[in-house]
Protein backbone atom coordinates (compact mmCIF):
# COMPACT_ATOMS: atom_id res chain seq x y z
CA LEU A 1 20.35 -5.50 21.34
CA ASN A 2 21.79 -8.29 18.90
CA ALA A 3 19.19 -8.82 16.09
CA THR A 4 19.68 -8.19 12.49
CA ALA A 5 18.63 -4.78 11.39
CA HIS A 6 17.51 -4.39 7.90
CA LEU A 7 16.88 -0.50 7.76
CA GLY A 8 14.18 -0.26 4.55
CA ASP A 9 16.91 1.51 2.46
CA GLY A 10 18.51 -1.16 0.97
CA THR A 11 21.20 -1.70 3.72
CA PHE A 12 21.23 -4.09 6.82
CA ILE A 13 23.58 -4.45 9.89
CA GLU A 14 24.37 -7.83 11.29
CA ASN A 15 24.71 -7.16 14.75
CA ALA A 16 22.37 -3.85 15.60
CA ALA A 17 21.61 -1.64 18.28
CA ILE A 18 18.48 0.20 17.47
CA GLY A 19 17.34 2.51 20.16
CA PHE A 20 14.46 5.04 20.54
CA VAL A 21 13.11 7.54 23.13
CA ASN A 22 9.88 9.60 23.13
CA GLY A 23 8.50 7.55 20.10
CA LYS A 24 12.04 8.49 17.61
CA PHE A 25 15.21 6.69 16.63
CA ASN A 26 17.68 8.15 18.55
CA LEU A 27 20.41 5.02 17.93
CA VAL A 28 20.79 2.98 14.74
CA ALA A 29 24.53 1.29 14.70
CA ASP A 30 26.35 -1.55 15.27
CA ALA A 31 26.63 -3.13 18.30
CA GLY A 32 30.09 -3.80 18.39
CA THR A 33 30.93 -0.18 17.88
CA ILE A 34 29.24 1.42 20.76
CA ARG A 35 28.75 1.21 24.56
CA LEU A 36 25.29 1.94 26.25
CA GLU A 37 25.67 4.22 29.18
CA LYS A 38 23.99 3.19 32.36
CA GLY A 39 20.55 4.60 32.45
CA ALA A 40 20.09 5.61 28.78
CA TYR A 41 17.04 3.48 28.39
CA ASP A 42 14.32 2.13 30.57
CA THR A 43 14.13 -1.05 28.84
CA ILE A 44 16.41 -3.29 26.74
CA ILE A 45 15.50 -6.15 24.66
CA ASN A 46 17.97 -8.76 23.74
CA LEU A 47 17.04 -10.16 20.53
CA GLY A 48 19.83 -12.36 19.34
CA GLY A 49 19.89 -14.48 16.06
CA LYS A 50 16.01 -11.99 15.06
CA HIS A 51 15.30 -10.02 12.80
CA ILE A 52 14.13 -6.44 12.74
CA TYR A 53 12.06 -4.58 9.76
CA PRO A 54 10.68 -1.12 9.36
CA GLY A 55 6.79 -1.48 9.83
CA LEU A 56 4.91 -3.35 6.15
CA ILE A 57 3.34 -0.69 4.35
CA ALA A 58 -0.07 -2.39 2.32
CA ALA A 59 -0.89 -0.40 -0.82
CA ASN A 60 -4.35 -0.12 -2.14
CA THR A 61 -6.58 -2.16 0.14
CA VAL A 62 -9.99 -2.11 1.28
CA LEU A 63 -8.80 -3.30 4.84
CA GLY A 64 -11.07 -1.79 7.41
CA ILE A 65 -13.87 -0.89 5.31
CA ARG A 66 -14.50 -4.56 4.49
CA GLU A 67 -15.60 -7.07 6.80
CA ILE A 68 -17.06 -10.36 5.89
CA GLY A 69 -17.09 -10.39 1.78
CA ALA A 70 -20.80 -12.43 1.74
CA VAL A 71 -21.99 -9.84 4.23
CA ARG A 72 -23.02 -6.50 2.32
CA ALA A 73 -23.75 -4.63 5.76
CA THR A 74 -19.98 -5.03 6.63
CA SER A 75 -18.84 -3.59 3.20
CA ASP A 76 -18.60 0.25 3.21
CA HIS A 77 -16.11 0.27 0.37
CA ARG A 78 -18.38 1.77 -2.53
CA GLU A 79 -20.38 4.23 -2.98
CA VAL A 80 -23.49 4.04 -5.00
CA GLY A 81 -23.10 6.01 -8.68
CA GLY A 82 -20.11 6.43 -10.80
CA ILE A 83 -18.78 9.47 -10.06
CA ASN A 84 -17.50 9.91 -6.61
CA PRO A 85 -14.37 11.53 -5.92
CA SER A 86 -15.75 13.63 -2.44
CA ALA A 87 -16.52 9.75 -0.85
CA ARG A 88 -13.61 9.47 1.53
CA SER A 89 -12.42 5.94 2.82
CA LEU A 90 -11.45 7.80 6.05
CA ILE A 91 -14.60 7.88 7.64
CA ALA A 92 -15.76 4.58 6.97
CA TYR A 93 -12.35 3.06 8.69
CA ASN A 94 -13.44 0.38 11.63
CA THR A 95 -10.71 0.19 13.94
CA ASP A 96 -12.98 -2.38 15.49
CA SER A 97 -12.28 -4.53 12.58
CA ARG A 98 -11.38 -8.13 13.63
CA VAL A 99 -9.38 -8.69 10.05
CA ALA A 100 -7.09 -5.77 10.89
CA PRO A 101 -5.29 -7.02 13.97
CA THR A 102 -5.22 -10.54 11.93
CA ILE A 103 -2.63 -8.58 9.51
CA LYS A 104 -1.07 -6.72 11.66
CA SER A 105 0.23 -9.82 13.56
CA ASN A 106 2.03 -10.49 10.49
CA GLY A 107 4.02 -7.45 10.60
CA ILE A 108 2.12 -4.99 8.38
CA LEU A 109 1.54 -1.39 10.11
CA PHE A 110 0.16 0.82 7.59
CA ALA A 111 -2.47 0.28 5.08
CA GLU A 112 -3.57 2.57 2.45
CA VAL A 113 -7.28 2.25 2.69
CA THR A 114 -9.10 3.15 -0.71
CA PRO A 115 -12.61 2.88 -2.13
CA GLN A 116 -13.62 1.02 -4.76
CA GLY A 117 -15.88 1.15 -7.77
CA GLY A 118 -17.49 3.22 -10.43
CA LEU A 119 -15.33 5.82 -12.79
CA VAL A 120 -14.17 7.74 -9.78
CA SER A 121 -14.20 6.26 -6.44
CA GLY A 122 -13.47 8.92 -3.85
CA SER A 123 -10.13 9.44 -1.82
CA SER A 124 -7.78 7.47 -0.13
CA SER A 125 -6.08 7.28 3.28
CA VAL A 126 -3.15 6.05 5.08
CA MET A 127 -4.27 4.35 8.47
CA LYS A 128 -2.18 2.99 11.35
CA LEU A 129 -2.98 -0.18 12.42
CA ASP A 130 -4.10 0.89 15.68
CA GLY A 131 -6.13 3.53 17.36
CA TRP A 132 -9.25 3.92 19.33
CA ASN A 133 -11.03 5.50 15.80
CA TYR A 134 -10.13 6.82 12.94
CA GLU A 135 -9.06 9.98 14.17
CA ASP A 136 -6.67 8.23 16.30
CA ALA A 137 -5.62 5.77 13.41
CA VAL A 138 -5.07 8.19 10.64
CA LEU A 139 -1.23 8.85 9.34
CA LYS A 140 -2.07 10.68 6.38
CA SER A 141 -5.49 11.54 5.18
CA ASP A 142 -7.32 11.99 1.84
CA ILE A 143 -3.83 11.41 -0.10
CA GLY A 144 -5.33 11.06 -3.33
CA ILE A 145 -8.10 10.38 -6.15
CA HIS A 146 -8.86 6.99 -7.29
CA VAL A 147 -10.25 6.47 -11.14
CA ASN A 148 -11.20 3.21 -12.92
CA TRP A 149 -9.82 4.22 -16.03
CA PRO A 150 -12.19 3.24 -19.10
CA SER A 151 -11.08 -0.45 -20.66
CA MET A 152 -9.40 0.21 -24.04
CA ARG A 153 -8.97 -3.29 -24.73
CA VAL A 154 -11.84 -4.92 -27.28
CA ARG A 155 -12.51 -8.01 -25.93
CA ASP A 156 -13.68 -11.04 -28.68
CA ALA A 157 -15.16 -13.33 -26.49
CA TRP A 158 -18.57 -15.09 -26.50
CA TRP A 159 -19.80 -13.11 -23.17
CA ALA A 160 -18.35 -9.83 -24.20
CA PRO A 161 -20.83 -7.15 -26.04
CA LYS A 162 -20.07 -6.60 -29.68
CA PRO A 163 -16.81 -4.77 -30.40
CA GLU A 164 -18.74 -1.75 -31.36
CA GLU A 165 -20.63 -1.40 -28.17
CA GLN A 166 -17.42 -1.86 -26.00
CA LYS A 167 -15.95 0.85 -27.86
CA LYS A 168 -18.86 3.15 -27.85
CA ARG A 169 -18.98 2.54 -23.81
CA SER A 170 -15.47 3.18 -23.53
CA LYS A 171 -15.51 6.49 -25.29
CA LYS A 172 -18.51 7.62 -23.26
CA GLN A 173 -16.73 6.86 -20.55
CA LEU A 174 -13.64 8.98 -21.45
CA ASP A 175 -15.70 11.87 -22.11
CA ASP A 176 -17.45 12.16 -19.08
CA LEU A 177 -14.07 11.59 -17.10
CA LYS A 178 -12.22 14.68 -19.64
CA GLN A 179 -15.70 16.56 -18.73
CA LEU A 180 -15.61 16.31 -14.64
CA PHE A 181 -12.02 17.10 -14.94
CA ASN A 182 -12.40 20.11 -17.17
CA ASP A 183 -15.15 21.27 -14.63
CA ALA A 184 -13.46 20.77 -11.74
CA TYR A 185 -10.25 22.75 -13.43
CA SER A 186 -12.25 25.49 -13.95
CA TYR A 187 -13.93 24.95 -10.43
CA TYR A 188 -10.47 25.10 -9.07
CA LYS A 189 -9.27 28.46 -10.99
CA SER A 190 -12.17 30.48 -9.65
CA ASP A 191 -11.89 32.37 -7.00
CA LYS A 192 -15.24 32.74 -5.38
CA PRO A 193 -17.56 30.04 -6.64
CA GLU A 194 -21.48 30.44 -6.27
CA LEU A 195 -22.35 27.45 -5.01
CA ILE A 196 -20.14 24.82 -3.12
CA ASN A 197 -19.80 21.91 -5.00
CA GLN A 198 -18.23 18.82 -3.02
CA HIS A 199 -17.01 16.71 -5.67
CA PHE A 200 -14.98 20.03 -7.20
CA GLU A 201 -13.98 20.81 -3.65
CA ALA A 202 -12.29 16.82 -3.15
CA MET A 203 -10.95 17.45 -6.66
CA ASN A 204 -8.89 21.06 -5.72
CA GLY A 205 -5.85 18.80 -4.42
CA LEU A 206 -4.92 17.28 -7.31
CA PHE A 207 -4.37 20.57 -9.36
CA ASP A 208 -2.49 22.45 -6.47
CA GLY A 209 -0.13 19.13 -5.93
CA ALA A 210 -1.55 18.60 -2.51
CA LYS A 211 -3.28 15.04 -3.74
CA LYS A 212 -2.63 12.68 -6.31
CA LEU A 213 -4.72 10.64 -8.90
CA PHE A 214 -4.51 7.24 -8.42
CA VAL A 215 -5.57 5.66 -11.67
CA HIS A 216 -6.40 1.66 -11.84
CA ALA A 217 -4.93 0.61 -15.17
CA ASN A 218 -3.04 -2.74 -16.43
CA TYR A 219 -3.82 -2.43 -20.48
CA VAL A 220 -0.73 -0.74 -21.99
CA LYS A 221 -2.72 1.28 -23.85
CA GLU A 222 -4.82 2.22 -20.88
CA ILE A 223 -1.64 3.21 -18.77
CA ILE A 224 -0.25 5.60 -21.51
CA ALA A 225 -3.65 7.20 -21.81
CA ALA A 226 -3.54 7.89 -18.08
CA VAL A 227 0.08 9.29 -17.91
CA ASN A 228 -1.22 11.66 -20.88
CA PHE A 229 -3.77 12.55 -19.27
CA GLY A 230 -2.44 13.53 -15.96
CA LYS A 231 0.09 15.48 -17.73
CA GLN A 232 -2.61 17.68 -19.55
CA TYR A 233 -3.96 18.66 -16.57
CA ASN A 234 -0.42 18.98 -14.63
CA ILE A 235 -1.30 16.03 -12.17
CA LYS A 236 0.60 13.76 -10.08
CA VAL A 237 -0.08 10.39 -11.18
CA VAL A 238 0.32 6.63 -9.69
CA ILE A 239 -0.53 3.88 -11.81
CA VAL A 240 -2.76 1.04 -9.77
CA GLY A 241 -2.27 -2.52 -11.07
CA GLY A 242 0.57 -2.25 -14.07
CA SER A 243 0.26 -5.73 -15.60
CA ASP A 244 1.48 -4.31 -18.39
CA ALA A 245 4.01 -1.33 -16.80
CA LEU A 246 7.08 -2.93 -18.56
CA MET A 247 5.61 -2.28 -22.06
CA ALA A 248 4.83 1.71 -21.02
CA LYS A 249 8.26 1.81 -19.58
CA GLU A 250 9.20 4.73 -21.37
CA SER A 251 6.18 6.81 -20.88
CA LEU A 252 6.27 6.09 -17.40
CA ILE A 253 10.08 6.86 -16.99
CA GLU A 254 9.70 10.27 -18.87
CA ASN A 255 6.59 11.26 -16.95
CA GLU A 256 8.11 10.01 -13.32
CA VAL A 257 5.13 7.94 -12.78
CA PRO A 258 5.23 5.21 -10.17
CA VAL A 259 3.36 1.83 -10.22
CA ILE A 260 1.62 0.34 -7.51
CA LEU A 261 2.12 -3.62 -8.65
CA THR A 262 -1.43 -5.22 -7.13
CA ASN A 263 -0.84 -8.92 -7.42
CA ILE A 264 2.11 -10.58 -7.55
CA HIS A 265 0.90 -14.42 -7.16
CA ARG A 266 -1.42 -14.62 -10.24
CA LEU A 267 -1.55 -15.85 -13.70
CA PRO A 268 0.31 -13.85 -16.96
CA SER A 269 -2.06 -11.67 -19.04
CA ARG A 270 -1.55 -12.68 -22.14
CA ASN A 271 -1.39 -16.41 -23.39
CA ASP A 272 2.40 -15.79 -25.01
CA GLU A 273 3.80 -14.30 -21.63
CA ALA A 274 6.26 -16.71 -19.95
CA ILE A 275 4.29 -18.43 -17.00
CA ASP A 276 6.26 -16.88 -14.58
CA MET A 277 5.85 -13.55 -16.05
CA PRO A 278 4.31 -11.65 -12.93
CA TYR A 279 6.88 -12.90 -10.50
CA ARG A 280 9.59 -11.35 -12.49
CA LEU A 281 8.17 -8.29 -13.32
CA PRO A 282 9.59 -6.45 -10.21
CA PHE A 283 12.65 -7.12 -11.10
CA LEU A 284 12.47 -6.20 -14.76
CA LEU A 285 10.77 -2.85 -13.87
CA LYS A 286 13.69 -2.34 -11.16
CA GLU A 287 15.76 -2.78 -14.10
CA ALA A 288 14.38 -0.38 -16.73
CA GLY A 289 14.37 2.40 -13.63
CA VAL A 290 10.61 2.29 -13.37
CA GLU A 291 9.58 3.37 -9.56
CA PHE A 292 7.03 0.82 -8.21
CA CYS A 293 5.89 -1.15 -4.83
CA ILE A 294 4.25 -4.12 -4.37
CA SER A 295 0.73 -4.45 -2.95
CA ALA A 296 -1.52 -7.49 -1.89
CA PRO A 297 -5.32 -7.89 -3.25
CA GLY A 298 -8.33 -7.76 -1.46
CA PHE A 299 -8.34 -7.23 2.43
CA TRP A 300 -7.75 -10.33 4.61
CA GLN A 301 -5.67 -11.46 2.02
CA VAL A 302 -3.06 -8.72 2.72
CA ARG A 303 -1.72 -10.76 5.51
CA ASN A 304 0.44 -12.41 2.50
CA LEU A 305 2.03 -9.13 1.65
CA PRO A 306 5.51 -10.06 2.65
CA PHE A 307 5.43 -12.98 0.88
CA HIS A 308 4.56 -11.54 -2.51
CA ALA A 309 7.76 -9.27 -1.65
CA GLY A 310 9.31 -12.80 -1.25
CA THR A 311 8.39 -14.09 -4.37
CA ALA A 312 9.97 -10.91 -6.07
CA ALA A 313 13.21 -11.80 -4.39
CA ALA A 314 12.96 -15.65 -5.49
CA TYR A 315 12.89 -13.92 -9.27
CA GLY A 316 15.51 -11.15 -9.35
CA LEU A 317 14.96 -8.60 -6.64
CA SER A 318 17.65 -8.64 -3.77
CA LYS A 319 16.08 -9.61 -0.26
CA GLU A 320 16.71 -5.71 0.68
CA GLU A 321 15.16 -4.51 -2.39
CA ALA A 322 12.41 -6.81 -1.94
CA LEU A 323 12.07 -5.67 1.45
CA GLN A 324 11.84 -1.95 0.02
CA SER A 325 8.74 -2.72 -1.95
CA ILE A 326 6.66 -2.99 1.06
CA THR A 327 8.58 -0.09 3.13
CA SER A 328 10.16 2.84 1.61
CA TRP A 329 9.17 2.28 -1.58
CA PRO A 330 5.33 2.51 -1.11
CA ALA A 331 6.41 5.31 1.62
CA LYS A 332 7.64 7.37 -1.26
CA ILE A 333 4.62 7.00 -3.85
CA LEU A 334 2.22 7.28 -0.40
CA GLY A 335 3.70 10.38 0.81
CA ILE A 336 4.37 9.12 4.05
CA GLU A 337 8.43 9.09 3.51
CA ASP A 338 9.00 10.85 6.88
CA GLU A 339 6.93 8.95 8.89
CA ALA A 340 7.09 5.63 7.85
CA GLY A 341 9.05 3.01 5.71
CA MET A 342 12.70 3.07 7.27
CA ILE A 343 14.62 2.85 10.34
CA LYS A 344 16.79 5.89 10.35
CA ASN A 345 18.04 8.36 13.35
CA GLN A 346 15.36 10.79 14.15
CA GLY A 347 13.09 8.69 12.57
CA ASN A 348 9.46 7.42 14.06
CA ALA A 349 10.50 4.78 15.94
CA THR A 350 8.28 1.98 14.25
CA LEU A 351 9.44 -1.28 13.81
CA ILE A 352 8.74 -5.03 13.81
CA VAL A 353 10.52 -8.10 15.24
CA SER A 354 10.41 -11.37 13.56
CA ASP A 355 11.91 -15.06 14.11
CA GLY A 356 13.14 -15.60 10.91
CA ASP A 357 12.72 -13.94 7.22
CA VAL A 358 9.87 -11.94 7.43
CA LEU A 359 9.85 -12.28 3.73
CA ASP A 360 9.69 -16.15 4.06
CA MET A 361 6.71 -17.79 5.02
CA ARG A 362 8.77 -20.97 6.86
CA ALA A 363 10.62 -18.63 8.56
CA SER A 364 8.15 -15.12 9.64
CA ASN A 365 6.72 -15.23 13.01
CA ILE A 366 6.66 -11.73 14.51
CA THR A 367 7.35 -11.30 17.86
CA HIS A 368 7.21 -7.67 18.82
CA ALA A 369 5.78 -4.39 16.91
CA PHE A 370 5.94 -1.03 17.67
CA ILE A 371 4.32 2.36 16.02
CA ASN A 372 5.95 5.29 17.15
CA GLY A 373 7.95 3.59 19.89
CA ALA A 374 4.35 2.26 21.63
CA GLU A 375 4.32 -1.39 21.65
CA LEU A 376 1.52 -3.20 19.93
CA ASP A 377 -0.98 -5.99 21.00
CA LEU A 378 -0.19 -8.86 18.32
CA SER A 379 -2.80 -10.85 19.45
CA ASN A 380 -5.93 -11.42 17.10
CA ILE A 381 -9.19 -13.72 17.01
CA GLN A 382 -7.38 -16.59 15.40
CA SER A 383 -4.17 -16.70 17.65
CA LYS A 384 -6.92 -16.61 21.01
CA LEU A 385 -8.65 -19.16 19.29
CA TYR A 386 -5.72 -21.25 18.80
CA ASP A 387 -4.86 -20.83 23.03
CA LYS A 388 -8.32 -21.73 23.46
CA TYR A 389 -8.15 -25.08 21.89
CA MET A 390 -4.84 -25.56 23.06
CA GLU A 391 -5.81 -25.24 26.79
CA LYS A 392 -8.87 -27.26 26.31
CA TYR A 393 -7.33 -30.48 24.99
CA GLY A 394 -4.29 -30.15 27.37
CA LEU A 395 -1.48 -29.23 24.60
CA SER A 396 -0.49 -25.79 25.71
CA ASN A 397 2.90 -25.38 27.42
């Protein structure tokens, strides 16, 4: 009761009453317009002056499949070889990660765990940042296949191969990709294949619409080529990266292709771009009508996701639109809009509570978090060390 509730659909309630029973919201209203019946809820929490948000969603991350960057044995985010559509991030996900709790304590409750490397990396799944094992933590498994689009940008630098070699390599990779999809489509169309092919089995969902093709591409020519590639096979495409998405806006809008912007806090892609172009890109895409969401790079850096959205709010997006870019918009792109992304009646009771604005690093402090009505433990290795040494030096309350 009595907090400002940001619903994730672009609206907010200043003095809200949010109720849930059996893991589902059954009350989303202005507290001044209702009267609670005695005994209607087992627990009532007064949150005067605080803010309620839907659980934040991190798209395109190796959280849970990479633990310590410098220790190879803790990295399970890429397979050997260049073409691995049957690789699954789901079964590699580690619920005992010490990194994940530090992310959860900053309001991120869901992560699209994504394999990396090669031409075709494998399948990503959306995980809850809570659970005993991957089967317990999975929200939606194998939502799409990830492809790293061959570079179509010829680089003229001392360290780069000769332009002819770059073009030759790009052409071979594109030919390999087309051959793979042609073979997979033929396999999909065959009623009873003589031999079971695990790579093609994993790709069947692309052709029947059950999965999406996540294409990692930044250069405008690569984005347009990827969109046309998906159109050729009648596949749902999502662009991941999208630094040049504004230049390809007509193609993206016409083909209803969304973009996952992977890093707001970066330098411009070109020497002649404005220094604040990466910060303004979300606003410019919103103005152009391109569907998108915001993600943060890496794995432990994902804790900064709300502040990436906060930067976008400082450079054009409204605060509620910036919140949508890390809640309801990624939920729609990842196909989990029925399970997460908004606070709404009969929706899953998943929310976070912050002392201040969750998009502002100066004010954000997560005090409560719930997934499907179950309250989460927000402690982590960093908070435990903090408490340990505060007590050692007699500074704890």
